[in-house]
Amino acid sequence: MFWIIASTVLAAFMAIFMIIIRMKAARKPVTVKKIIIPPIMMSTGALMFLFPVFRVPWTQVLEAVGVGLIFSLFLIKTSKFEIRRDGIYLIPSKAFAIVLIGLLAARIILKLVIGGWTAISLGEMSGMFFLLAFGMIITWRLAMLYQFQTLKKKLATKAPSHMIS
């Protein structure tokens, strides 16, 4: 029970941190690097699967990634860009904070249900929630990258080439 509470508190702090970072990021132009680095850095967490305690059956991998894909739809809906004279910016959205808190609540509920009513070990549950989060961030960031590239092409047709990075 301690680990469930500790990981929940950690997840809450991470969500608050993400909201703060998102608000600060809206002040600067977006770049491809800023979109793709978070999932690349998160991918190092997959090293956990080198240890048998974290491994999950393929059916659970598909379930976790599938739930992550569904959760990503909420993040995609709240991530919009706009062209300003000096670049492409992420539009700050109050809904993003609400969605992030809602996803955290859903994650906590799922963790309590899965951890309390099933025979899934703490390691397997950790592996599943990593896959859920990774599936969510990959889908979300790919959608952001697509939106960004679309706007970048639009900006390229309107501006001289030296203005686009």
N, C-alpha and C. Protein backbone atom coordinates (compact mmCIF):
# COMPACT_ATOMS: atom_id res chain seq x y z
N MET A 1 0.82 -1.19 0.00
CA MET A 1 0.00 0.00 0.00
C MET A 1 0.87 1.27 0.00
N PHE A 2 2.01 1.20 0.71
CA PHE A 2 2.92 2.34 0.75
C PHE A 2 3.34 2.74 -0.65
N TRP A 3 3.69 1.76 -1.50
CA TRP A 3 4.18 2.07 -2.85
C TRP A 3 3.09 2.69 -3.71
N ILE A 4 1.86 2.26 -3.52
CA ILE A 4 0.76 2.83 -4.29
C ILE A 4 0.58 4.30 -3.90
N ILE A 5 0.62 4.58 -2.61
CA ILE A 5 0.48 5.97 -2.15
C ILE A 5 1.67 6.81 -2.61
N ALA A 6 2.88 6.28 -2.44
CA ALA A 6 4.09 7.02 -2.82
C ALA A 6 4.10 7.32 -4.32
N SER A 7 3.75 6.34 -5.15
CA SER A 7 3.75 6.58 -6.60
C SER A 7 2.64 7.53 -7.01
N THR A 8 1.53 7.53 -6.29
CA THR A 8 0.44 8.45 -6.57
C THR A 8 0.85 9.88 -6.24
N VAL A 9 1.49 10.08 -5.11
CA VAL A 9 1.98 11.41 -4.73
C VAL A 9 3.00 11.89 -5.75
N LEU A 10 3.91 11.01 -6.15
CA LEU A 10 4.91 11.36 -7.16
C LEU A 10 4.24 11.76 -8.48
N ALA A 11 3.23 11.00 -8.88
CA ALA A 11 2.51 11.31 -10.12
C ALA A 11 1.82 12.66 -10.03
N ALA A 12 1.28 12.99 -8.85
CA ALA A 12 0.63 14.29 -8.66
C ALA A 12 1.64 15.43 -8.81
N PHE A 13 2.82 15.27 -8.22
CA PHE A 13 3.86 16.29 -8.37
C PHE A 13 4.31 16.41 -9.82
N MET A 14 4.40 15.29 -10.52
CA MET A 14 4.79 15.33 -11.93
C MET A 14 3.73 16.07 -12.75
N ALA A 15 2.45 15.86 -12.43
CA ALA A 15 1.38 16.54 -13.16
C ALA A 15 1.45 18.05 -12.93
N ILE A 16 1.68 18.45 -11.70
CA ILE A 16 1.80 19.88 -11.39
C ILE A 16 3.00 20.47 -12.13
N PHE A 17 4.10 19.74 -12.13
CA PHE A 17 5.31 20.17 -12.82
C PHE A 17 5.05 20.32 -14.32
N MET A 18 4.31 19.38 -14.90
CA MET A 18 3.97 19.45 -16.33
C MET A 18 3.12 20.67 -16.65
N ILE A 19 2.18 20.99 -15.78
CA ILE A 19 1.32 22.16 -16.00
C ILE A 19 2.16 23.43 -15.99
N ILE A 20 3.09 23.53 -15.03
CA ILE A 20 3.96 24.70 -14.94
C ILE A 20 4.85 24.81 -16.18
N ILE A 21 5.44 23.70 -16.59
CA ILE A 21 6.30 23.70 -17.79
C ILE A 21 5.50 24.10 -19.02
N ARG A 22 4.30 23.57 -19.13
CA ARG A 22 3.44 23.88 -20.28
C ARG A 22 3.14 25.38 -20.35
N MET A 23 2.85 26.00 -19.19
CA MET A 23 2.56 27.43 -19.16
C MET A 23 3.79 28.25 -19.57
N LYS A 24 4.97 27.85 -19.11
CA LYS A 24 6.19 28.56 -19.48
C LYS A 24 6.54 28.35 -20.95
N ALA A 25 6.30 27.16 -21.45
CA ALA A 25 6.63 26.85 -22.85
C ALA A 25 5.83 27.67 -23.83
N ALA A 26 4.65 28.10 -23.43
CA ALA A 26 3.79 28.88 -24.33
C ALA A 26 4.38 30.25 -24.64
N ARG A 27 5.38 30.67 -23.88
CA ARG A 27 5.99 31.99 -24.10
C ARG A 27 7.05 31.97 -25.19
N LYS A 28 7.51 30.79 -25.59
CA LYS A 28 8.58 30.67 -26.58
C LYS A 28 8.08 29.88 -27.78
N PRO A 29 8.68 30.14 -28.96
CA PRO A 29 8.27 29.36 -30.15
C PRO A 29 8.57 27.87 -29.98
N VAL A 30 7.74 27.07 -30.58
CA VAL A 30 7.90 25.62 -30.55
C VAL A 30 8.90 25.22 -31.63
N THR A 31 9.67 24.17 -31.35
CA THR A 31 10.58 23.60 -32.35
C THR A 31 10.33 22.10 -32.41
N VAL A 32 10.82 21.48 -33.45
CA VAL A 32 10.70 20.02 -33.56
C VAL A 32 11.39 19.36 -32.37
N LYS A 33 12.54 19.88 -32.01
CA LYS A 33 13.30 19.32 -30.89
C LYS A 33 12.48 19.32 -29.60
N LYS A 34 11.76 20.41 -29.34
CA LYS A 34 10.95 20.52 -28.13
C LYS A 34 9.78 19.54 -28.14
N ILE A 35 9.37 19.14 -29.31
CA ILE A 35 8.26 18.18 -29.42
C ILE A 35 8.75 16.75 -29.25
N ILE A 36 9.90 16.42 -29.84
CA ILE A 36 10.31 15.01 -29.84
C ILE A 36 11.21 14.60 -28.68
N ILE A 37 11.85 15.54 -28.00
CA ILE A 37 12.75 15.15 -26.91
C ILE A 37 12.02 14.45 -25.74
N PRO A 38 10.86 14.94 -25.28
CA PRO A 38 10.23 14.25 -24.14
C PRO A 38 9.98 12.75 -24.35
N PRO A 39 9.41 12.32 -25.48
CA PRO A 39 9.23 10.87 -25.63
C PRO A 39 10.55 10.12 -25.78
N ILE A 40 11.55 10.76 -26.38
CA ILE A 40 12.85 10.09 -26.49
C ILE A 40 13.45 9.88 -25.11
N MET A 41 13.37 10.91 -24.27
CA MET A 41 13.91 10.78 -22.91
C MET A 41 13.10 9.76 -22.10
N MET A 42 11.80 9.77 -22.30
CA MET A 42 10.96 8.82 -21.56
C MET A 42 11.23 7.39 -21.99
N SER A 43 11.64 7.20 -23.23
CA SER A 43 11.87 5.84 -23.74
C SER A 43 12.95 5.09 -22.95
N THR A 44 13.82 5.82 -22.28
CA THR A 44 14.85 5.15 -21.47
C THR A 44 14.22 4.35 -20.33
N GLY A 45 13.01 4.72 -19.95
CA GLY A 45 12.30 3.98 -18.91
C GLY A 45 11.99 2.55 -19.32
N ALA A 46 12.01 2.27 -20.62
CA ALA A 46 11.76 0.91 -21.10
C ALA A 46 12.85 -0.06 -20.64
N LEU A 47 13.96 0.47 -20.16
CA LEU A 47 15.02 -0.40 -19.62
C LEU A 47 14.51 -1.19 -18.42
N MET A 48 13.42 -0.74 -17.81
CA MET A 48 12.85 -1.47 -16.68
C MET A 48 12.48 -2.90 -17.09
N PHE A 49 12.16 -3.09 -18.37
CA PHE A 49 11.73 -4.41 -18.83
C PHE A 49 12.89 -5.40 -18.96
N LEU A 50 14.10 -4.94 -18.72
CA LEU A 50 15.23 -5.87 -18.63
C LEU A 50 15.11 -6.76 -17.40
N PHE A 51 14.39 -6.27 -16.41
CA PHE A 51 14.20 -7.02 -15.17
C PHE A 51 12.88 -7.77 -15.21
N PRO A 52 12.90 -9.06 -14.97
CA PRO A 52 11.68 -9.87 -15.08
C PRO A 52 10.50 -9.40 -14.25
N VAL A 53 10.73 -8.75 -13.13
CA VAL A 53 9.64 -8.32 -12.26
C VAL A 53 8.70 -7.31 -12.95
N PHE A 54 9.22 -6.58 -13.94
CA PHE A 54 8.42 -5.57 -14.62
C PHE A 54 7.76 -6.06 -15.91
N ARG A 55 8.11 -7.23 -16.34
CA ARG A 55 7.58 -7.73 -17.61
C ARG A 55 6.11 -8.10 -17.50
N VAL A 56 5.38 -7.82 -18.59
CA VAL A 56 3.95 -8.11 -18.63
C VAL A 56 3.65 -8.92 -19.89
N PRO A 57 2.60 -9.73 -19.83
CA PRO A 57 2.21 -10.51 -21.03
C PRO A 57 1.77 -9.56 -22.16
N TRP A 58 1.88 -10.05 -23.40
CA TRP A 58 1.57 -9.22 -24.56
C TRP A 58 0.14 -8.70 -24.54
N THR A 59 -0.78 -9.47 -23.99
CA THR A 59 -2.17 -8.97 -23.94
C THR A 59 -2.26 -7.73 -23.06
N GLN A 60 -1.52 -7.72 -21.96
CA GLN A 60 -1.52 -6.55 -21.08
C GLN A 60 -0.76 -5.38 -21.71
N VAL A 61 0.25 -5.68 -22.51
CA VAL A 61 0.97 -4.63 -23.25
C VAL A 61 -0.03 -3.93 -24.17
N LEU A 62 -0.80 -4.72 -24.92
CA LEU A 62 -1.77 -4.14 -25.84
C LEU A 62 -2.85 -3.35 -25.11
N GLU A 63 -3.31 -3.88 -23.96
CA GLU A 63 -4.31 -3.16 -23.17
C GLU A 63 -3.77 -1.82 -22.69
N ALA A 64 -2.57 -1.83 -22.12
CA ALA A 64 -1.98 -0.61 -21.56
C ALA A 64 -1.72 0.43 -22.65
N VAL A 65 -1.16 0.01 -23.76
CA VAL A 65 -0.90 0.94 -24.86
C VAL A 65 -2.22 1.46 -25.43
N GLY A 66 -3.22 0.59 -25.54
CA GLY A 66 -4.53 1.00 -26.04
C GLY A 66 -5.17 2.05 -25.15
N VAL A 67 -5.11 1.88 -23.85
CA VAL A 67 -5.64 2.88 -22.92
C VAL A 67 -4.85 4.18 -23.06
N GLY A 68 -3.53 4.07 -23.23
CA GLY A 68 -2.70 5.26 -23.45
C GLY A 68 -3.11 6.01 -24.71
N LEU A 69 -3.41 5.27 -25.76
CA LEU A 69 -3.86 5.90 -27.01
C LEU A 69 -5.18 6.65 -26.79
N ILE A 70 -6.08 6.04 -26.06
CA ILE A 70 -7.37 6.69 -25.77
C ILE A 70 -7.15 7.94 -24.93
N PHE A 71 -6.32 7.85 -23.89
CA PHE A 71 -6.03 9.00 -23.03
C PHE A 71 -5.38 10.13 -23.83
N SER A 72 -4.56 9.77 -24.82
CA SER A 72 -3.85 10.79 -25.60
C SER A 72 -4.81 11.69 -26.37
N LEU A 73 -5.98 11.18 -26.69
CA LEU A 73 -6.95 11.99 -27.44
C LEU A 73 -7.31 13.27 -26.69
N PHE A 74 -7.39 13.17 -25.36
CA PHE A 74 -7.70 14.36 -24.56
C PHE A 74 -6.57 15.38 -24.63
N LEU A 75 -5.33 14.91 -24.61
CA LEU A 75 -4.19 15.81 -24.70
C LEU A 75 -4.09 16.43 -26.10
N ILE A 76 -4.37 15.63 -27.11
CA ILE A 76 -4.33 16.13 -28.50
C ILE A 76 -5.36 17.24 -28.67
N LYS A 77 -6.55 17.05 -28.12
CA LYS A 77 -7.62 18.06 -28.25
C LYS A 77 -7.25 19.38 -27.58
N THR A 78 -6.40 19.34 -26.55
CA THR A 78 -6.06 20.56 -25.82
C THR A 78 -4.71 21.13 -26.26
N SER A 79 -4.11 20.58 -27.29
CA SER A 79 -2.81 21.07 -27.78
C SER A 79 -2.97 21.65 -29.17
N LYS A 80 -3.04 22.96 -29.22
CA LYS A 80 -3.20 23.67 -30.49
C LYS A 80 -2.07 24.68 -30.64
N PHE A 81 -1.71 24.94 -31.89
CA PHE A 81 -0.65 25.90 -32.20
C PHE A 81 -1.23 27.10 -32.92
N GLU A 82 -0.47 28.20 -32.88
CA GLU A 82 -0.83 29.37 -33.65
C GLU A 82 0.44 29.97 -34.23
N ILE A 83 0.26 30.63 -35.37
CA ILE A 83 1.38 31.31 -36.00
C ILE A 83 1.37 32.75 -35.52
N ARG A 84 2.50 33.14 -34.96
CA ARG A 84 2.71 34.56 -34.63
C ARG A 84 3.81 35.04 -35.56
N ARG A 85 4.06 36.31 -35.57
CA ARG A 85 4.98 36.83 -36.58
C ARG A 85 6.37 36.23 -36.52
N ASP A 86 6.82 35.80 -35.34
CA ASP A 86 8.19 35.27 -35.26
C ASP A 86 8.24 33.75 -35.10
N GLY A 87 7.16 33.04 -35.27
CA GLY A 87 7.22 31.59 -35.18
C GLY A 87 5.89 30.94 -34.86
N ILE A 88 5.99 29.67 -34.47
CA ILE A 88 4.82 28.87 -34.14
C ILE A 88 4.82 28.67 -32.63
N TYR A 89 3.68 28.98 -32.01
CA TYR A 89 3.55 28.90 -30.56
C TYR A 89 2.44 27.95 -30.16
N LEU A 90 2.62 27.31 -29.01
CA LEU A 90 1.58 26.48 -28.43
C LEU A 90 0.60 27.41 -27.73
N ILE A 91 -0.67 27.26 -28.01
CA ILE A 91 -1.68 28.10 -27.39
C ILE A 91 -1.94 27.60 -25.98
N PRO A 92 -1.77 28.46 -24.97
CA PRO A 92 -2.05 28.01 -23.60
C PRO A 92 -3.53 27.65 -23.46
N SER A 93 -3.79 26.53 -22.82
CA SER A 93 -5.16 26.06 -22.67
C SER A 93 -5.43 25.72 -21.21
N LYS A 94 -6.48 26.32 -20.67
CA LYS A 94 -6.88 25.98 -19.30
C LYS A 94 -7.39 24.55 -19.25
N ALA A 95 -7.92 24.10 -20.36
CA ALA A 95 -8.43 22.73 -20.42
C ALA A 95 -7.30 21.72 -20.26
N PHE A 96 -6.07 22.08 -20.68
CA PHE A 96 -4.94 21.15 -20.55
C PHE A 96 -4.73 20.76 -19.09
N ALA A 97 -4.75 21.74 -18.20
CA ALA A 97 -4.56 21.46 -16.77
C ALA A 97 -5.69 20.57 -16.25
N ILE A 98 -6.90 20.86 -16.66
CA ILE A 98 -8.05 20.05 -16.22
C ILE A 98 -7.93 18.63 -16.75
N VAL A 99 -7.55 18.50 -18.03
CA VAL A 99 -7.37 17.17 -18.63
C VAL A 99 -6.26 16.41 -17.92
N LEU A 100 -5.14 17.07 -17.67
CA LEU A 100 -4.02 16.41 -17.00
C LEU A 100 -4.42 15.92 -15.60
N ILE A 101 -5.14 16.73 -14.87
CA ILE A 101 -5.61 16.33 -13.54
C ILE A 101 -6.62 15.19 -13.66
N GLY A 102 -7.50 15.28 -14.65
CA GLY A 102 -8.45 14.18 -14.89
C GLY A 102 -7.77 12.87 -15.24
N LEU A 103 -6.73 12.95 -16.09
CA LEU A 103 -5.98 11.74 -16.44
C LEU A 103 -5.26 11.17 -15.22
N LEU A 104 -4.75 12.04 -14.37
CA LEU A 104 -4.11 11.60 -13.14
C LEU A 104 -5.12 10.88 -12.25
N ALA A 105 -6.31 11.46 -12.11
CA ALA A 105 -7.36 10.82 -11.30
C ALA A 105 -7.74 9.46 -11.88
N ALA A 106 -7.89 9.39 -13.20
CA ALA A 106 -8.21 8.11 -13.85
C ALA A 106 -7.10 7.09 -13.61
N ARG A 107 -5.86 7.55 -13.68
CA ARG A 107 -4.71 6.66 -13.45
C ARG A 107 -4.72 6.14 -12.02
N ILE A 108 -5.03 7.00 -11.06
CA ILE A 108 -5.07 6.59 -9.65
C ILE A 108 -6.18 5.56 -9.44
N ILE A 109 -7.35 5.83 -10.01
CA ILE A 109 -8.47 4.90 -9.88
C ILE A 109 -8.12 3.55 -10.50
N LEU A 110 -7.54 3.59 -11.72
CA LEU A 110 -7.13 2.34 -12.37
C LEU A 110 -6.11 1.58 -11.53
N LYS A 111 -5.16 2.33 -10.96
CA LYS A 111 -4.13 1.70 -10.15
C LYS A 111 -4.74 1.02 -8.92
N LEU A 112 -5.69 1.69 -8.28
CA LEU A 112 -6.33 1.12 -7.10
C LEU A 112 -7.17 -0.10 -7.46
N VAL A 113 -7.87 -0.01 -8.59
CA VAL A 113 -8.70 -1.14 -9.02
C VAL A 113 -7.82 -2.33 -9.42
N ILE A 114 -6.83 -2.06 -10.26
CA ILE A 114 -5.95 -3.14 -10.72
C ILE A 114 -5.15 -3.71 -9.57
N GLY A 115 -4.60 -2.84 -8.73
CA GLY A 115 -3.77 -3.29 -7.62
C GLY A 115 -4.55 -3.94 -6.51
N GLY A 116 -5.79 -3.54 -6.30
CA GLY A 116 -6.57 -4.05 -5.19
C GLY A 116 -7.39 -5.28 -5.50
N TRP A 117 -7.83 -5.43 -6.75
CA TRP A 117 -8.75 -6.50 -7.06
C TRP A 117 -8.18 -7.60 -7.95
N THR A 118 -6.96 -7.45 -8.34
CA THR A 118 -6.37 -8.46 -9.22
C THR A 118 -5.09 -9.02 -8.62
N ALA A 119 -4.59 -10.01 -9.26
CA ALA A 119 -3.36 -10.66 -8.78
C ALA A 119 -2.13 -10.11 -9.51
N ILE A 120 -2.23 -8.92 -10.06
CA ILE A 120 -1.10 -8.32 -10.77
C ILE A 120 -0.11 -7.78 -9.74
N SER A 121 1.14 -8.13 -9.92
CA SER A 121 2.17 -7.69 -8.97
C SER A 121 2.47 -6.20 -9.15
N LEU A 122 3.12 -5.62 -8.16
CA LEU A 122 3.50 -4.21 -8.21
C LEU A 122 4.42 -3.95 -9.42
N GLY A 123 5.34 -4.87 -9.69
CA GLY A 123 6.23 -4.71 -10.84
C GLY A 123 5.48 -4.73 -12.16
N GLU A 124 4.55 -5.68 -12.32
CA GLU A 124 3.75 -5.74 -13.54
C GLU A 124 2.89 -4.49 -13.70
N MET A 125 2.32 -4.03 -12.58
CA MET A 125 1.49 -2.82 -12.63
C MET A 125 2.35 -1.62 -13.03
N SER A 126 3.57 -1.55 -12.52
CA SER A 126 4.49 -0.46 -12.89
C SER A 126 4.79 -0.52 -14.38
N GLY A 127 5.03 -1.72 -14.90
CA GLY A 127 5.29 -1.89 -16.32
C GLY A 127 4.10 -1.47 -17.17
N MET A 128 2.90 -1.85 -16.72
CA MET A 128 1.69 -1.48 -17.47
C MET A 128 1.47 0.03 -17.48
N PHE A 129 1.70 0.69 -16.34
CA PHE A 129 1.49 2.13 -16.31
C PHE A 129 2.56 2.88 -17.08
N PHE A 130 3.77 2.33 -17.14
CA PHE A 130 4.78 2.93 -18.01
C PHE A 130 4.32 2.84 -19.46
N LEU A 131 3.85 1.67 -19.87
CA LEU A 131 3.38 1.49 -21.25
C LEU A 131 2.19 2.39 -21.56
N LEU A 132 1.28 2.54 -20.60
CA LEU A 132 0.14 3.44 -20.78
C LEU A 132 0.64 4.86 -21.02
N ALA A 133 1.53 5.33 -20.15
CA ALA A 133 2.05 6.70 -20.28
C ALA A 133 2.85 6.87 -21.57
N PHE A 134 3.64 5.88 -21.92
CA PHE A 134 4.46 5.97 -23.13
C PHE A 134 3.59 5.97 -24.38
N GLY A 135 2.57 5.10 -24.41
CA GLY A 135 1.63 5.10 -25.53
C GLY A 135 0.91 6.42 -25.66
N MET A 136 0.61 7.04 -24.51
CA MET A 136 -0.08 8.32 -24.51
C MET A 136 0.83 9.43 -25.03
N ILE A 137 2.06 9.49 -24.53
CA ILE A 137 2.95 10.60 -24.93
C ILE A 137 3.40 10.47 -26.38
N ILE A 138 3.64 9.23 -26.84
CA ILE A 138 4.05 9.05 -28.24
C ILE A 138 2.95 9.52 -29.18
N THR A 139 1.72 9.08 -28.92
CA THR A 139 0.60 9.47 -29.78
C THR A 139 0.38 10.98 -29.75
N TRP A 140 0.41 11.54 -28.56
CA TRP A 140 0.20 12.98 -28.39
C TRP A 140 1.28 13.77 -29.11
N ARG A 141 2.53 13.40 -28.93
CA ARG A 141 3.63 14.15 -29.53
C ARG A 141 3.68 13.97 -31.05
N LEU A 142 3.29 12.81 -31.56
CA LEU A 142 3.21 12.63 -33.02
C LEU A 142 2.13 13.53 -33.61
N ALA A 143 1.01 13.65 -32.90
CA ALA A 143 -0.06 14.55 -33.36
C ALA A 143 0.42 15.99 -33.32
N MET A 144 1.16 16.36 -32.26
CA MET A 144 1.71 17.71 -32.16
C MET A 144 2.70 17.98 -33.29
N LEU A 145 3.54 16.98 -33.58
CA LEU A 145 4.52 17.13 -34.64
C LEU A 145 3.83 17.34 -35.99
N TYR A 146 2.77 16.59 -36.24
CA TYR A 146 2.01 16.74 -37.48
C TYR A 146 1.41 18.14 -37.58
N GLN A 147 0.78 18.61 -36.49
CA GLN A 147 0.21 19.96 -36.48
C GLN A 147 1.30 21.01 -36.71
N PHE A 148 2.43 20.83 -36.05
CA PHE A 148 3.54 21.78 -36.17
C PHE A 148 4.06 21.82 -37.60
N GLN A 149 4.29 20.65 -38.19
CA GLN A 149 4.81 20.60 -39.57
C GLN A 149 3.83 21.22 -40.55
N THR A 150 2.54 21.00 -40.33
CA THR A 150 1.52 21.60 -41.20
C THR A 150 1.59 23.12 -41.13
N LEU A 151 1.68 23.67 -39.91
CA LEU A 151 1.78 25.12 -39.76
C LEU A 151 3.11 25.66 -40.28
N LYS A 152 4.16 24.88 -40.13
CA LYS A 152 5.48 25.31 -40.62
C LYS A 152 5.45 25.45 -42.14
N LYS A 153 4.79 24.52 -42.82
CA LYS A 153 4.65 24.62 -44.28
C LYS A 153 3.83 25.85 -44.65
N LYS A 154 2.78 26.09 -43.89
CA LYS A 154 1.93 27.26 -44.14
C LYS A 154 2.73 28.54 -43.93
N LEU A 155 3.54 28.57 -42.89
CA LEU A 155 4.38 29.72 -42.58
C LEU A 155 5.45 29.91 -43.66
N ALA A 156 5.98 28.81 -44.18
CA ALA A 156 7.03 28.88 -45.20
C ALA A 156 6.51 29.51 -46.49
N THR A 157 5.25 29.31 -46.79
CA THR A 157 4.69 29.89 -48.00
C THR A 157 4.40 31.38 -47.84
N LYS A 158 4.30 31.84 -46.58
CA LYS A 158 3.99 33.24 -46.33
C LYS A 158 5.21 34.09 -46.00
N ALA A 159 6.30 33.47 -45.55
CA ALA A 159 7.45 34.25 -45.05
C ALA A 159 8.70 33.93 -45.83
N PRO A 160 9.67 34.83 -45.81
CA PRO A 160 10.97 34.53 -46.40
C PRO A 160 11.63 33.37 -45.65
N SER A 161 12.46 32.62 -46.31
CA SER A 161 13.05 31.40 -45.73
C SER A 161 13.90 31.68 -44.51
N HIS A 162 14.50 32.85 -44.35
CA HIS A 162 15.34 33.12 -43.20
C HIS A 162 14.55 33.24 -41.89
N MET A 163 13.22 33.38 -41.97
CA MET A 163 12.40 33.52 -40.77
C MET A 163 11.98 32.18 -40.19
N ILE A 164 12.21 31.10 -40.89
CA ILE A 164 11.74 29.79 -40.42
C ILE A 164 12.93 28.97 -39.94
N SER A 165 12.80 28.45 -38.74
CA SER A 165 13.88 27.63 -38.19
C SER A 165 13.55 26.18 -38.22
